[in-house]
């Protein structure tokens, strides 16, 4: 297999093809490939990028990508992923953290304050310098998509997006108190709030409910037209960078802000005098209460929003 890998990677390099792949449910991580691929194309415009991911709809209309393929959600897709891992080399690379296999968020501990995009690009440092990788994701909607989606969703001229919960199956420590979130919403009666997320997530009062009512492409349009977003750290905070959407992130003490911040994000974190910060845990806080989230009040979040918006 080693000889086959060497020969295949050598051949691909000669015809200037780079294969990037990422498998699994980590949609935010896969979106971050758009930042890397754009940075690579700026440096080497003649390089053809073949991208293989589980969420190809993130990359529709993206001219940085020469060919877009999807991992099937079955055993064939998984075995194809395993095969790619065995033939990795100079022209076949996986977008991932060097330390991801260690569990929890330990990989964030080991990247020394780097942004997650740069940390997950470590296999690509032979073709691009770390300093050349831009921290801005990319999501392209064409005009016909925008027109169709605008007609489908009749939204107010100005609105804010809000999310109540995230991937609790992945981490239970990113969730802020839902009643506090409702208080924040109530403090802005002049704002039309649009709730996004999944249908089984907690529903707020006094909102326009679009939970589970949009495709990923349609969600992109909502982000592109919104005034701001209020969310926790996760896919939506990564997604917002595509549109330079002002985003308020309720950030727990499980990780450092520098690892996950974009130019458009404002992170609200309370970690003063916490000996456990950053803990890098996904679940099972070691304290009786998750103090880093308990310490964030609804009043503080309201104040941050008021200082950074016209509302």
C-alpha atoms as a PDB file:
ATOM      1  CA  UNK A   1       0.000   0.000   0.000  1.00  0.00           C
ATOM      2  CA  UNK A   2       2.897   2.356   0.753  1.00  0.00           C
ATOM      3  CA  UNK A   3       4.282   2.001  -2.777  1.00  0.00           C
ATOM      4  CA  UNK A   4       0.830   2.542  -4.309  1.00  0.00           C
ATOM      5  CA  UNK A   5       0.397   5.654  -2.176  1.00  0.00           C
ATOM      6  CA  UNK A   6       3.760   7.068  -3.255  1.00  0.00           C
ATOM      7  CA  UNK A   7       3.087   6.427  -6.937  1.00  0.00           C
ATOM      8  CA  UNK A   8      -0.443   7.856  -6.815  1.00  0.00           C
ATOM      9  CA  UNK A   9       0.589  10.994  -4.925  1.00  0.00           C
ATOM     10  CA  UNK A  10       3.511  11.535  -7.304  1.00  0.00           C
ATOM     11  CA  UNK A  11       1.206  11.224 -10.331  1.00  0.00           C
ATOM     12  CA  UNK A  12      -1.347  13.654  -8.851  1.00  0.00           C
ATOM     13  CA  UNK A  13       1.389  16.184  -8.100  1.00  0.00           C
ATOM     14  CA  UNK A  14       2.556  16.054 -11.714  1.00  0.00           C
ATOM     15  CA  UNK A  15      -0.912  16.881 -13.023  1.00  0.00           C
ATOM     16  CA  UNK A  16      -1.380  19.501 -10.262  1.00  0.00           C
ATOM     17  CA  UNK A  17      -4.254  17.869  -8.406  1.00  0.00           C
ATOM     18  CA  UNK A  18      -4.739  18.091  -4.651  1.00  0.00           C
ATOM     19  CA  UNK A  19      -7.326  15.874  -2.936  1.00  0.00           C
ATOM     20  CA  UNK A  20      -8.707  17.180   0.358  1.00  0.00           C
ATOM     21  CA  UNK A  21     -11.063  15.039   2.405  1.00  0.00           C
ATOM     22  CA  UNK A  22     -12.978  15.085   5.684  1.00  0.00           C
ATOM     23  CA  UNK A  23     -15.473  12.471   6.819  1.00  0.00           C
ATOM     24  CA  UNK A  24     -18.131  12.521   9.534  1.00  0.00           C
ATOM     25  CA  UNK A  25     -20.721  14.715  11.248  1.00  0.00           C
ATOM     26  CA  UNK A  26     -18.469  17.664  12.137  1.00  0.00           C
ATOM     27  CA  UNK A  27     -20.137  20.130   9.775  1.00  0.00           C
ATOM     28  CA  UNK A  28     -18.342  23.171  11.188  1.00  0.00           C
ATOM     29  CA  UNK A  29     -14.943  21.571  10.675  1.00  0.00           C
ATOM     30  CA  UNK A  30     -15.840  20.748   7.080  1.00  0.00           C
ATOM     31  CA  UNK A  31     -16.959  24.316   6.418  1.00  0.00           C
ATOM     32  CA  UNK A  32     -13.518  25.484   7.603  1.00  0.00           C
ATOM     33  CA  UNK A  33     -11.988  23.718   4.586  1.00  0.00           C
ATOM     34  CA  UNK A  34     -13.335  26.627   2.528  1.00  0.00           C
ATOM     35  CA  UNK A  35     -10.882  28.948   4.256  1.00  0.00           C
ATOM     36  CA  UNK A  36      -7.943  26.628   3.593  1.00  0.00           C
ATOM     37  CA  UNK A  37      -8.875  25.906  -0.038  1.00  0.00           C
ATOM     38  CA  UNK A  38      -9.303  29.616  -0.782  1.00  0.00           C
ATOM     39  CA  UNK A  39      -5.902  30.372   0.751  1.00  0.00           C
ATOM     40  CA  UNK A  40      -4.269  27.588  -1.277  1.00  0.00           C
ATOM     41  CA  UNK A  41      -5.828  28.809  -4.533  1.00  0.00           C
ATOM     42  CA  UNK A  42      -4.638  32.358  -3.878  1.00  0.00           C
ATOM     43  CA  UNK A  43      -1.108  31.030  -3.582  1.00  0.00           C
ATOM     44  CA  UNK A  44      -1.288  28.491  -6.418  1.00  0.00           C
ATOM     45  CA  UNK A  45      -4.078  29.267  -8.895  1.00  0.00           C
ATOM     46  CA  UNK A  46      -3.123  26.413 -11.229  1.00  0.00           C
ATOM     47  CA  UNK A  47      -3.674  23.735  -8.582  1.00  0.00           C
ATOM     48  CA  UNK A  48      -6.896  21.744  -9.035  1.00  0.00           C
ATOM     49  CA  UNK A  49      -8.599  20.861  -5.762  1.00  0.00           C
ATOM     50  CA  UNK A  50     -10.769  17.760  -5.522  1.00  0.00           C
ATOM     51  CA  UNK A  51     -12.830  17.900  -2.327  1.00  0.00           C
ATOM     52  CA  UNK A  52     -14.486  14.870  -0.707  1.00  0.00           C
ATOM     53  CA  UNK A  53     -16.729  15.660   2.271  1.00  0.00           C
ATOM     54  CA  UNK A  54     -19.920  14.584   4.010  1.00  0.00           C
ATOM     55  CA  UNK A  55     -21.623  17.966   3.442  1.00  0.00           C
ATOM     56  CA  UNK A  56     -20.917  18.961  -0.178  1.00  0.00           C
ATOM     57  CA  UNK A  57     -23.761  21.512  -0.166  1.00  0.00           C
ATOM     58  CA  UNK A  58     -21.437  23.793   1.795  1.00  0.00           C
ATOM     59  CA  UNK A  59     -19.290  24.133  -1.316  1.00  0.00           C
ATOM     60  CA  UNK A  60     -21.775  24.568  -4.160  1.00  0.00           C
ATOM     61  CA  UNK A  61     -20.749  27.436  -6.499  1.00  0.00           C
ATOM     62  CA  UNK A  62     -17.299  27.567  -4.884  1.00  0.00           C
ATOM     63  CA  UNK A  63     -14.844  28.190  -7.727  1.00  0.00           C
ATOM     64  CA  UNK A  64     -11.887  27.157  -5.579  1.00  0.00           C
ATOM     65  CA  UNK A  65     -13.090  23.560  -5.938  1.00  0.00           C
ATOM     66  CA  UNK A  66     -12.359  21.761  -9.214  1.00  0.00           C
ATOM     67  CA  UNK A  67     -14.399  18.644  -8.370  1.00  0.00           C
ATOM     68  CA  UNK A  68     -16.778  18.104  -5.433  1.00  0.00           C
ATOM     69  CA  UNK A  69     -17.594  14.595  -4.177  1.00  0.00           C
ATOM     70  CA  UNK A  70     -19.636  13.267  -1.276  1.00  0.00           C
ATOM     71  CA  UNK A  71     -18.936  10.490   1.192  1.00  0.00           C
ATOM     72  CA  UNK A  72     -21.956   8.192   1.223  1.00  0.00           C
ATOM     73  CA  UNK A  73     -23.571   7.688   4.639  1.00  0.00           C
ATOM     74  CA  UNK A  74     -23.064   3.942   4.618  1.00  0.00           C
ATOM     75  CA  UNK A  75     -20.307   1.346   4.893  1.00  0.00           C
ATOM     76  CA  UNK A  76     -19.064   2.149   1.387  1.00  0.00           C
ATOM     77  CA  UNK A  77     -18.491   5.767   2.402  1.00  0.00           C
ATOM     78  CA  UNK A  78     -16.713   4.714   5.576  1.00  0.00           C
ATOM     79  CA  UNK A  79     -14.436   2.205   3.802  1.00  0.00           C
ATOM     80  CA  UNK A  80     -13.630   4.811   1.145  1.00  0.00           C
ATOM     81  CA  UNK A  81     -12.597   7.155   3.955  1.00  0.00           C
ATOM     82  CA  UNK A  82     -10.388   4.431   5.461  1.00  0.00           C
ATOM     83  CA  UNK A  83      -8.791   3.832   2.056  1.00  0.00           C
ATOM     84  CA  UNK A  84      -7.997   7.533   1.624  1.00  0.00           C
ATOM     85  CA  UNK A  85      -6.324   7.520   5.027  1.00  0.00           C
ATOM     86  CA  UNK A  86      -4.051   4.690   3.902  1.00  0.00           C
ATOM     87  CA  UNK A  87      -2.946   6.443   0.701  1.00  0.00           C
ATOM     88  CA  UNK A  88      -2.433   9.936   2.132  1.00  0.00           C
ATOM     89  CA  UNK A  89       0.637  11.798   0.970  1.00  0.00           C
ATOM     90  CA  UNK A  90       1.808  14.973  -0.734  1.00  0.00           C
ATOM     91  CA  UNK A  91      -1.359  15.219  -2.887  1.00  0.00           C
ATOM     92  CA  UNK A  92      -3.985  13.405  -0.792  1.00  0.00           C
ATOM     93  CA  UNK A  93      -4.571  15.081   2.549  1.00  0.00           C
ATOM     94  CA  UNK A  94      -7.102  15.081   5.373  1.00  0.00           C
ATOM     95  CA  UNK A  95      -8.311  18.290   7.004  1.00  0.00           C
ATOM     96  CA  UNK A  96      -8.096  17.455  10.701  1.00  0.00           C
ATOM     97  CA  UNK A  97      -6.277  18.219  13.911  1.00  0.00           C
ATOM     98  CA  UNK A  98      -3.130  16.285  14.680  1.00  0.00           C
ATOM     99  CA  UNK A  99      -4.532  15.585  18.151  1.00  0.00           C
ATOM    100  CA  UNK A 100      -8.217  14.956  17.370  1.00  0.00           C
ATOM    101  CA  UNK A 101      -8.006  11.268  18.171  1.00  0.00           C
ATOM    102  CA  UNK A 102      -7.193  11.992  21.831  1.00  0.00           C
ATOM    103  CA  UNK A 103     -10.833  12.669  22.727  1.00  0.00           C
ATOM    104  CA  UNK A 104     -12.659  15.541  24.476  1.00  0.00           C
ATOM    105  CA  UNK A 105     -11.349  18.904  23.187  1.00  0.00           C
ATOM    106  CA  UNK A 106      -7.775  17.942  24.054  1.00  0.00           C
ATOM    107  CA  UNK A 107      -6.649  18.860  20.552  1.00  0.00           C
ATOM    108  CA  UNK A 108      -7.430  22.491  21.389  1.00  0.00           C
ATOM    109  CA  UNK A 109      -5.128  22.243  24.401  1.00  0.00           C
ATOM    110  CA  UNK A 110      -2.289  21.126  22.154  1.00  0.00           C
ATOM    111  CA  UNK A 111      -2.501  23.788  19.443  1.00  0.00           C
ATOM    112  CA  UNK A 112      -1.010  26.583  21.573  1.00  0.00           C
ATOM    113  CA  UNK A 113      -3.667  29.230  21.016  1.00  0.00           C
ATOM    114  CA  UNK A 114      -3.820  28.715  17.241  1.00  0.00           C
ATOM    115  CA  UNK A 115      -7.106  29.123  15.435  1.00  0.00           C
ATOM    116  CA  UNK A 116      -8.801  25.802  14.765  1.00  0.00           C
ATOM    117  CA  UNK A 117      -8.548  26.342  10.975  1.00  0.00           C
ATOM    118  CA  UNK A 118      -4.763  26.574  11.142  1.00  0.00           C
ATOM    119  CA  UNK A 119      -4.554  23.645  13.540  1.00  0.00           C
ATOM    120  CA  UNK A 120      -6.582  21.430  11.208  1.00  0.00           C
ATOM    121  CA  UNK A 121      -4.403  22.427   8.260  1.00  0.00           C
ATOM    122  CA  UNK A 122      -1.260  20.828   9.681  1.00  0.00           C
ATOM    123  CA  UNK A 123      -1.038  18.229   6.882  1.00  0.00           C
ATOM    124  CA  UNK A 124      -0.926  21.056   4.314  1.00  0.00           C
ATOM    125  CA  UNK A 125       2.067  22.964   5.668  1.00  0.00           C
ATOM    126  CA  UNK A 126       4.291  21.542   2.928  1.00  0.00           C
ATOM    127  CA  UNK A 127       2.255  23.487   0.334  1.00  0.00           C
ATOM    128  CA  UNK A 128       1.189  26.589   2.279  1.00  0.00           C
ATOM    129  CA  UNK A 129       2.685  28.465   5.206  1.00  0.00           C
ATOM    130  CA  UNK A 130       0.577  28.713   8.346  1.00  0.00           C
ATOM    131  CA  UNK A 131       0.692  32.518   8.163  1.00  0.00           C
ATOM    132  CA  UNK A 132      -0.868  32.428   4.668  1.00  0.00           C
ATOM    133  CA  UNK A 133      -4.048  30.678   5.817  1.00  0.00           C
ATOM    134  CA  UNK A 134      -6.885  33.189   6.141  1.00  0.00           C
ATOM    135  CA  UNK A 135      -9.440  32.922   8.924  1.00  0.00           C
ATOM    136  CA  UNK A 136     -12.615  33.466   6.908  1.00  0.00           C
ATOM    137  CA  UNK A 137     -14.959  30.805   5.649  1.00  0.00           C
ATOM    138  CA  UNK A 138     -16.714  30.852   2.301  1.00  0.00           C
ATOM    139  CA  UNK A 139     -20.275  29.988   1.217  1.00  0.00           C
ATOM    140  CA  UNK A 140     -21.555  31.060  -2.208  1.00  0.00           C
ATOM    141  CA  UNK A 141     -25.202  31.620  -3.136  1.00  0.00           C
ATOM    142  CA  UNK A 142     -25.913  32.349  -6.784  1.00  0.00           C
ATOM    143  CA  UNK A 143     -28.545  34.882  -7.864  1.00  0.00           C
ATOM    144  CA  UNK A 144     -31.192  32.310  -8.756  1.00  0.00           C
ATOM    145  CA  UNK A 145     -30.875  30.709  -5.314  1.00  0.00           C
ATOM    146  CA  UNK A 146     -31.196  34.070  -3.607  1.00  0.00           C
ATOM    147  CA  UNK A 147     -34.292  34.945  -5.618  1.00  0.00           C
ATOM    148  CA  UNK A 148     -35.979  31.603  -4.895  1.00  0.00           C
ATOM    149  CA  UNK A 149     -35.228  31.701  -1.171  1.00  0.00           C
ATOM    150  CA  UNK A 150     -36.294  35.335  -0.829  1.00  0.00           C
ATOM    151  CA  UNK A 151     -39.675  34.406  -2.315  1.00  0.00           C
ATOM    152  CA  UNK A 152     -40.052  31.336  -0.078  1.00  0.00           C
ATOM    153  CA  UNK A 153     -39.375  33.108   3.228  1.00  0.00           C
ATOM    154  CA  UNK A 154     -41.201  36.379   3.740  1.00  0.00           C
ATOM    155  CA  UNK A 155     -39.040  37.977   6.415  1.00  0.00           C
ATOM    156  CA  UNK A 156     -39.040  41.440   7.994  1.00  0.00           C
ATOM    157  CA  UNK A 157     -36.560  44.006   6.607  1.00  0.00           C
ATOM    158  CA  UNK A 158     -34.490  43.698   9.798  1.00  0.00           C
ATOM    159  CA  UNK A 159     -34.235  40.628  11.998  1.00  0.00           C
ATOM    160  CA  UNK A 160     -31.841  38.813  14.315  1.00  0.00           C
ATOM    161  CA  UNK A 161     -31.151  35.088  14.400  1.00  0.00           C
ATOM    162  CA  UNK A 162     -31.106  33.046  17.598  1.00  0.00           C
ATOM    163  CA  UNK A 163     -30.402  29.411  18.393  1.00  0.00           C
ATOM    164  CA  UNK A 164     -31.478  27.685  21.601  1.00  0.00           C
ATOM    165  CA  UNK A 165     -29.414  24.496  21.584  1.00  0.00           C
ATOM    166  CA  UNK A 166     -26.711  22.704  19.641  1.00  0.00           C
ATOM    167  CA  UNK A 167     -25.313  19.219  19.209  1.00  0.00           C
ATOM    168  CA  UNK A 168     -25.896  17.893  22.737  1.00  0.00           C
ATOM    169  CA  UNK A 169     -24.906  14.413  21.545  1.00  0.00           C
ATOM    170  CA  UNK A 170     -21.450  15.864  20.896  1.00  0.00           C
ATOM    171  CA  UNK A 171     -21.049  18.161  23.898  1.00  0.00           C
ATOM    172  CA  UNK A 172     -23.383  19.080  26.757  1.00  0.00           C
ATOM    173  CA  UNK A 173     -21.132  21.857  28.076  1.00  0.00           C
ATOM    174  CA  UNK A 174     -21.784  24.498  25.400  1.00  0.00           C
ATOM    175  CA  UNK A 175     -25.380  25.123  26.455  1.00  0.00           C
ATOM    176  CA  UNK A 176     -26.345  28.360  28.220  1.00  0.00           C
ATOM    177  CA  UNK A 177     -29.425  28.639  30.414  1.00  0.00           C
ATOM    178  CA  UNK A 178     -32.486  28.757  28.135  1.00  0.00           C
ATOM    179  CA  UNK A 179     -34.441  31.030  30.473  1.00  0.00           C
ATOM    180  CA  UNK A 180     -31.582  33.534  30.378  1.00  0.00           C
ATOM    181  CA  UNK A 181     -31.686  33.411  26.598  1.00  0.00           C
ATOM    182  CA  UNK A 182     -35.422  34.100  26.691  1.00  0.00           C
ATOM    183  CA  UNK A 183     -34.764  37.113  28.938  1.00  0.00           C
ATOM    184  CA  UNK A 184     -32.324  38.479  26.354  1.00  0.00           C
ATOM    185  CA  UNK A 185     -34.965  38.122  23.637  1.00  0.00           C
ATOM    186  CA  UNK A 186     -37.552  39.858  25.834  1.00  0.00           C
ATOM    187  CA  UNK A 187     -35.198  42.820  26.392  1.00  0.00           C
ATOM    188  CA  UNK A 188     -35.322  43.640  22.673  1.00  0.00           C
ATOM    189  CA  UNK A 189     -39.047  43.914  21.800  1.00  0.00           C
ATOM    190  CA  UNK A 190     -38.152  46.115  18.816  1.00  0.00           C
ATOM    191  CA  UNK A 191     -36.197  43.260  17.199  1.00  0.00           C
ATOM    192  CA  UNK A 192     -37.839  40.587  15.089  1.00  0.00           C
ATOM    193  CA  UNK A 193     -36.178  37.391  16.293  1.00  0.00           C
ATOM    194  CA  UNK A 194     -35.945  34.385  13.960  1.00  0.00           C
ATOM    195  CA  UNK A 195     -35.222  31.102  15.700  1.00  0.00           C
ATOM    196  CA  UNK A 196     -33.144  28.574  13.766  1.00  0.00           C
ATOM    197  CA  UNK A 197     -31.990  25.092  14.638  1.00  0.00           C
ATOM    198  CA  UNK A 198     -33.765  21.758  14.864  1.00  0.00           C
ATOM    199  CA  UNK A 199     -37.444  21.123  15.511  1.00  0.00           C
ATOM    200  CA  UNK A 200     -36.747  19.164  18.706  1.00  0.00           C
ATOM    201  CA  UNK A 201     -34.812  22.056  20.258  1.00  0.00           C
ATOM    202  CA  UNK A 202     -36.383  24.343  22.865  1.00  0.00           C
ATOM    203  CA  UNK A 203     -38.739  26.900  21.322  1.00  0.00           C
ATOM    204  CA  UNK A 204     -38.596  30.483  22.540  1.00  0.00           C
ATOM    205  CA  UNK A 205     -41.567  32.820  22.906  1.00  0.00           C
ATOM    206  CA  UNK A 206     -42.070  35.888  20.720  1.00  0.00           C
ATOM    207  CA  UNK A 207     -40.036  34.589  17.782  1.00  0.00           C
ATOM    208  CA  UNK A 208     -40.504  33.654  14.138  1.00  0.00           C
ATOM    209  CA  UNK A 209     -40.055  29.905  14.212  1.00  0.00           C
ATOM    210  CA  UNK A 210     -37.921  28.510  11.377  1.00  0.00           C
ATOM    211  CA  UNK A 211     -36.534  25.497  13.236  1.00  0.00           C
ATOM    212  CA  UNK A 212     -36.053  22.605  10.786  1.00  0.00           C
ATOM    213  CA  UNK A 213     -37.740  24.650   8.053  1.00  0.00           C
ATOM    214  CA  UNK A 214     -34.664  25.528   6.016  1.00  0.00           C
ATOM    215  CA  UNK A 215     -32.131  23.624   4.007  1.00  0.00           C
ATOM    216  CA  UNK A 216     -28.471  24.426   4.541  1.00  0.00           C
ATOM    217  CA  UNK A 217     -28.519  26.591   1.413  1.00  0.00           C
ATOM    218  CA  UNK A 218     -31.618  28.446   2.619  1.00  0.00           C
ATOM    219  CA  UNK A 219     -30.031  28.936   6.013  1.00  0.00           C
ATOM    220  CA  UNK A 220     -27.124  30.627   4.259  1.00  0.00           C
ATOM    221  CA  UNK A 221     -29.507  33.172   2.752  1.00  0.00           C
ATOM    222  CA  UNK A 222     -31.009  33.897   6.183  1.00  0.00           C
ATOM    223  CA  UNK A 223     -27.510  34.526   7.532  1.00  0.00           C
ATOM    224  CA  UNK A 224     -26.662  36.811   4.613  1.00  0.00           C
ATOM    225  CA  UNK A 225     -29.655  39.077   5.345  1.00  0.00           C
ATOM    226  CA  UNK A 226     -29.693  39.084   9.166  1.00  0.00           C
ATOM    227  CA  UNK A 227     -28.675  42.027  11.374  1.00  0.00           C
ATOM    228  CA  UNK A 228     -26.894  39.790  13.883  1.00  0.00           C
ATOM    229  CA  UNK A 229     -26.823  36.302  15.390  1.00  0.00           C
ATOM    230  CA  UNK A 230     -26.965  35.157  19.023  1.00  0.00           C
ATOM    231  CA  UNK A 231     -25.667  31.638  19.492  1.00  0.00           C
ATOM    232  CA  UNK A 232     -23.284  29.364  21.347  1.00  0.00           C
ATOM    233  CA  UNK A 233     -19.925  28.199  20.037  1.00  0.00           C
ATOM    234  CA  UNK A 234     -20.443  25.753  17.183  1.00  0.00           C
ATOM    235  CA  UNK A 235     -21.313  25.487  13.499  1.00  0.00           C
ATOM    236  CA  UNK A 236     -23.322  28.704  13.382  1.00  0.00           C
ATOM    237  CA  UNK A 237     -20.423  30.783  14.697  1.00  0.00           C
ATOM    238  CA  UNK A 238     -18.205  29.286  11.956  1.00  0.00           C
ATOM    239  CA  UNK A 239     -20.947  29.770   9.362  1.00  0.00           C
ATOM    240  CA  UNK A 240     -21.456  33.432  10.250  1.00  0.00           C
ATOM    241  CA  UNK A 241     -17.917  34.270   9.097  1.00  0.00           C
ATOM    242  CA  UNK A 242     -18.949  33.516   5.494  1.00  0.00           C
ATOM    243  CA  UNK A 243     -21.240  36.553   5.567  1.00  0.00           C
ATOM    244  CA  UNK A 244     -19.333  38.801   7.965  1.00  0.00           C
ATOM    245  CA  UNK A 245     -22.458  38.620  10.131  1.00  0.00           C
ATOM    246  CA  UNK A 246     -22.035  40.188  13.567  1.00  0.00           C
ATOM    247  CA  UNK A 247     -22.307  37.231  15.906  1.00  0.00           C
ATOM    248  CA  UNK A 248     -22.567  37.119  19.694  1.00  0.00           C
ATOM    249  CA  UNK A 249     -21.204  33.823  20.986  1.00  0.00           C
ATOM    250  CA  UNK A 250     -21.966  32.565  24.504  1.00  0.00           C
ATOM    251  CA  UNK A 251     -18.611  30.909  25.069  1.00  0.00           C
ATOM    252  CA  UNK A 252     -18.092  28.359  27.876  1.00  0.00           C
ATOM    253  CA  UNK A 253     -14.819  27.906  29.713  1.00  0.00           C
ATOM    254  CA  UNK A 254     -14.117  24.631  27.964  1.00  0.00           C
ATOM    255  CA  UNK A 255     -11.901  26.356  25.378  1.00  0.00           C
ATOM    256  CA  UNK A 256     -10.014  29.571  24.651  1.00  0.00           C
ATOM    257  CA  UNK A 257     -11.605  32.290  22.541  1.00  0.00           C
ATOM    258  CA  UNK A 258      -8.494  32.591  20.327  1.00  0.00           C
ATOM    259  CA  UNK A 259      -9.012  29.045  19.061  1.00  0.00           C
ATOM    260  CA  UNK A 260     -12.428  29.847  17.634  1.00  0.00           C
ATOM    261  CA  UNK A 261     -12.731  33.596  17.059  1.00  0.00           C
ATOM    262  CA  UNK A 262     -13.407  35.225  13.683  1.00  0.00           C
ATOM    263  CA  UNK A 263     -13.224  38.933  12.810  1.00  0.00           C
ATOM    264  CA  UNK A 264     -17.045  39.103  12.931  1.00  0.00           C
ATOM    265  CA  UNK A 265     -17.596  37.255  16.239  1.00  0.00           C
ATOM    266  CA  UNK A 266     -17.918  38.766  19.703  1.00  0.00           C
ATOM    267  CA  UNK A 267     -17.415  36.152  22.406  1.00  0.00           C
ATOM    268  CA  UNK A 268     -18.979  36.459  25.859  1.00  0.00           C
ATOM    269  CA  UNK A 269     -17.013  34.421  28.376  1.00  0.00           C
ATOM    270  CA  UNK A 270     -16.674  34.635  32.187  1.00  0.00           C
ATOM    271  CA  UNK A 271     -13.643  32.737  33.447  1.00  0.00           C
ATOM    272  CA  UNK A 272     -12.288  35.069  36.177  1.00  0.00           C
ATOM    273  CA  UNK A 273     -10.580  33.108  38.970  1.00  0.00           C
ATOM    274  CA  UNK A 274     -11.623  29.737  37.563  1.00  0.00           C
ATOM    275  CA  UNK A 275      -8.883  27.214  38.299  1.00  0.00           C
ATOM    276  CA  UNK A 276     -10.449  24.750  35.844  1.00  0.00           C
ATOM    277  CA  UNK A 277     -10.237  27.064  32.798  1.00  0.00           C
ATOM    278  CA  UNK A 278      -9.833  25.915  30.107  1.00  0.00           C
ATOM    279  CA  UNK A 279     -10.955  22.361  30.894  1.00  0.00           C
ATOM    280  CA  UNK A 280     -11.320  21.103  27.267  1.00  0.00           C
ATOM    281  CA  UNK A 281     -14.086  18.733  28.351  1.00  0.00           C
ATOM    282  CA  UNK A 282     -17.011  17.724  26.140  1.00  0.00           C
ATOM    283  CA  UNK A 283     -19.197  16.418  28.944  1.00  0.00           C
ATOM    284  CA  UNK A 284     -19.314  15.893  32.719  1.00  0.00           C
ATOM    285  CA  UNK A 285     -18.188  19.168  34.264  1.00  0.00           C
ATOM    286  CA  UNK A 286     -16.009  18.469  37.312  1.00  0.00           C
ATOM    287  CA  UNK A 287     -17.779  21.161  39.366  1.00  0.00           C
ATOM    288  CA  UNK A 288     -21.186  20.849  41.027  1.00  0.00           C
ATOM    289  CA  UNK A 289     -22.388  23.485  38.572  1.00  0.00           C
ATOM    290  CA  UNK A 290     -20.873  24.622  35.285  1.00  0.00           C
ATOM    291  CA  UNK A 291     -19.686  27.877  36.830  1.00  0.00           C
ATOM    292  CA  UNK A 292     -18.288  29.334  33.593  1.00  0.00           C
ATOM    293  CA  UNK A 293     -21.803  29.370  32.111  1.00  0.00           C
ATOM    294  CA  UNK A 294     -23.659  30.096  35.365  1.00  0.00           C
ATOM    295  CA  UNK A 295     -21.544  33.253  35.757  1.00  0.00           C
ATOM    296  CA  UNK A 296     -22.842  34.776  32.505  1.00  0.00           C
ATOM    297  CA  UNK A 297     -25.962  36.818  33.225  1.00  0.00           C
ATOM    298  CA  UNK A 298     -28.660  37.799  30.745  1.00  0.00           C
ATOM    299  CA  UNK A 299     -28.016  41.448  31.661  1.00  0.00           C
ATOM    300  CA  UNK A 300     -24.394  41.156  30.565  1.00  0.00           C
ATOM    301  CA  UNK A 301     -25.375  39.661  27.224  1.00  0.00           C
ATOM    302  CA  UNK A 302     -27.986  42.386  26.670  1.00  0.00           C
ATOM    303  CA  UNK A 303     -25.371  45.024  27.457  1.00  0.00           C
ATOM    304  CA  UNK A 304     -22.872  43.569  24.969  1.00  0.00           C
ATOM    305  CA  UNK A 305     -25.513  43.456  22.221  1.00  0.00           C
ATOM    306  CA  UNK A 306     -26.582  47.057  22.895  1.00  0.00           C
ATOM    307  CA  UNK A 307     -22.988  48.289  22.786  1.00  0.00           C
ATOM    308  CA  UNK A 308     -22.296  46.592  19.466  1.00  0.00           C
ATOM    309  CA  UNK A 309     -25.535  47.148  17.534  1.00  0.00           C
ATOM    310  CA  UNK A 310     -27.996  49.961  16.801  1.00  0.00           C
ATOM    311  CA  UNK A 311     -30.818  48.176  18.604  1.00  0.00           C
END
